[in-house]
Amino acid sequence: MIKLVTCIKRRKGMSHADFRSFWESELLDKLIHKTAQMLNAKKYSKDTTLAITANIYARMIRGGSEPFDGMIQYWLENASEIVSPSATREDDLVQEMLEYQQQFSDMDQCCSFFTDDNIETL
C-alpha cells in the first residue's frame, strides 16, 4: 500500500475551537471523500491531535515543536495509482480543497507526502 499523508497546522492566532469548526465541517468531509474517489483510494481518514498530557510529554522527550493539528490520509493500492491531476474536474477539486484549507490552515507549516505503508500485525 501507498499512503498520501497531509499534515495540517491551524492558522496563527486561530483557537483550537475555531480550527475544529472548520475541521469537523460537512464541506471538508465532502472534499476529502471526493479527493479519495479522485485518487481511487481504498480508504481514508481525517484525524485530529488529542489534547492530552501524553502529547506534551512525548514532545518534551523528543524536543520537538508543536504537533500538527490534523492529518488526512489516503491509502492507495500501489504506486500506479499516483497520478498528477490533469482533468478540469480534478483541477477544480484540488483548487477547492486548497481554498478551503487556506481558511483555517497555516499553509507554510503544512506538508503532504507519500509513504510506503508497511503494517505489521502483532
Protein backbone atom coordinates (compact mmCIF):
# COMPACT_ATOMS: atom_id res chain seq x y z
CA MET A 1 0.00 0.00 0.00
CA ILE A 2 1.00 3.58 -0.69
CA LYS A 3 -0.27 6.33 1.60
CA LEU A 4 -0.71 10.02 0.88
CA VAL A 5 -0.41 11.93 4.15
CA THR A 6 -1.29 15.60 4.63
CA CYS A 7 -0.34 17.18 7.98
CA ILE A 8 -2.11 20.42 8.85
CA LYS A 9 -1.37 23.19 11.33
CA ARG A 10 -4.04 25.73 12.18
CA ARG A 11 -3.59 29.37 11.22
CA LYS A 12 -1.56 31.50 13.60
CA GLY A 13 -3.84 33.07 16.20
CA MET A 14 -6.70 30.65 15.49
CA SER A 15 -8.11 28.88 18.54
CA HIS A 16 -8.40 25.11 18.69
CA ALA A 17 -12.20 25.51 18.80
CA ASP A 18 -12.25 27.61 15.63
CA PHE A 19 -9.94 25.12 13.90
CA ARG A 20 -12.26 22.26 14.87
CA SER A 21 -15.26 24.13 13.42
CA PHE A 22 -13.59 24.08 10.02
CA TRP A 23 -12.11 20.61 10.52
CA GLU A 24 -15.41 18.98 11.50
CA SER A 25 -17.43 20.67 8.76
CA GLU A 26 -19.57 18.78 6.30
CA LEU A 27 -17.80 20.62 3.47
CA LEU A 28 -14.37 19.29 4.44
CA ASP A 29 -15.79 15.78 4.79
CA LYS A 30 -17.24 16.07 1.29
CA LEU A 31 -13.97 17.41 -0.17
CA ILE A 32 -11.95 14.62 1.44
CA HIS A 33 -14.38 12.00 0.16
CA LYS A 34 -14.26 13.43 -3.38
CA THR A 35 -10.46 13.51 -3.22
CA ALA A 36 -10.42 9.86 -2.13
CA GLN A 37 -12.59 9.00 -5.12
CA MET A 38 -10.36 11.01 -7.48
CA LEU A 39 -7.28 9.17 -6.16
CA ASN A 40 -9.08 5.82 -6.35
CA ALA A 41 -8.16 5.41 -2.67
CA LYS A 42 -9.03 2.18 -0.88
CA LYS A 43 -9.69 4.06 2.37
CA TYR A 44 -9.05 7.41 4.01
CA SER A 45 -9.01 9.02 7.43
CA LYS A 46 -9.28 12.50 8.92
CA ASP A 47 -7.59 12.69 12.33
CA THR A 48 -7.09 15.40 14.94
CA THR A 49 -4.41 15.68 17.57
CA LEU A 50 -5.60 14.78 21.04
CA ALA A 51 -5.26 17.41 23.77
CA ILE A 52 -3.75 15.01 26.29
CA THR A 53 -0.79 15.16 28.66
CA ALA A 54 0.92 12.29 26.83
CA ASN A 55 1.37 14.53 23.77
CA ILE A 56 3.12 17.17 25.85
CA TYR A 57 5.35 14.51 27.41
CA ALA A 58 6.21 13.00 24.00
CA ARG A 59 7.17 16.43 22.69
CA MET A 60 9.35 17.13 25.74
CA ILE A 61 11.21 13.82 25.36
CA ARG A 62 11.90 14.35 21.66
CA GLY A 63 12.48 18.09 21.91
CA GLY A 64 10.13 18.66 19.01
CA SER A 65 7.87 21.51 18.02
CA GLU A 66 4.12 21.80 18.43
CA PRO A 67 2.30 18.86 16.83
CA PHE A 68 0.18 19.17 13.74
CA ASP A 69 -3.47 19.89 14.47
CA GLY A 70 -4.86 17.48 11.93
CA MET A 71 -3.89 14.82 9.45
CA ILE A 72 -5.61 13.46 6.35
CA GLN A 73 -4.51 10.08 4.99
CA TYR A 74 -5.45 8.27 1.78
CA TRP A 75 -4.46 4.64 1.18
CA LEU A 76 -3.72 3.71 -2.43
CA GLU A 77 -3.27 0.19 -3.75
CA ASN A 78 0.08 0.84 -5.44
CA ALA A 79 2.31 3.49 -6.97
CA SER A 80 0.50 3.30 -10.32
CA GLU A 81 -2.44 5.00 -8.59
CA ILE A 82 -0.29 8.11 -8.06
CA VAL A 83 -1.00 10.46 -10.91
CA SER A 84 -0.97 14.20 -11.28
CA PRO A 85 -4.46 15.62 -11.64
CA SER A 86 -4.92 16.69 -15.23
CA ALA A 87 -8.63 16.81 -15.96
CA THR A 88 -10.56 20.01 -15.30
CA ARG A 89 -12.77 18.32 -12.70
CA GLU A 90 -9.70 17.21 -10.78
CA ASP A 91 -8.03 20.62 -11.03
CA ASP A 92 -11.24 22.20 -9.73
CA LEU A 93 -11.37 19.79 -6.78
CA VAL A 94 -7.73 20.41 -5.86
CA GLN A 95 -8.32 24.16 -6.05
CA GLU A 96 -11.50 23.94 -3.95
CA MET A 97 -9.68 21.89 -1.29
CA LEU A 98 -6.76 24.36 -1.17
CA GLU A 99 -9.08 27.37 -0.94
CA TYR A 100 -10.99 25.77 1.92
CA GLN A 101 -7.82 24.74 3.78
CA GLN A 102 -6.41 28.27 3.49
CA GLN A 103 -9.27 29.49 5.69
CA PHE A 104 -8.04 27.52 8.71
CA SER A 105 -4.53 26.24 7.87
CA ASP A 106 -1.10 27.82 8.07
CA MET A 107 -0.17 26.56 4.61
CA ASP A 108 3.55 27.29 5.10
CA GLN A 109 3.59 24.89 8.07
CA CYS A 110 1.55 22.13 6.40
CA CYS A 111 3.01 19.30 4.36
CA SER A 112 1.94 16.44 2.12
CA PHE A 113 3.95 13.38 1.20
CA PHE A 114 3.64 9.79 0.01
CA THR A 115 4.79 6.84 2.12
CA ASP A 116 5.17 3.12 1.68
CA ASP A 117 2.67 1.78 4.22
CA ASN A 118 4.09 -1.35 5.87
CA ILE A 119 1.69 -2.58 8.51
CA GLU A 120 2.80 -5.31 10.92
CA THR A 121 0.28 -7.28 12.93
CA LEU A 122 1.11 -8.41 16.45
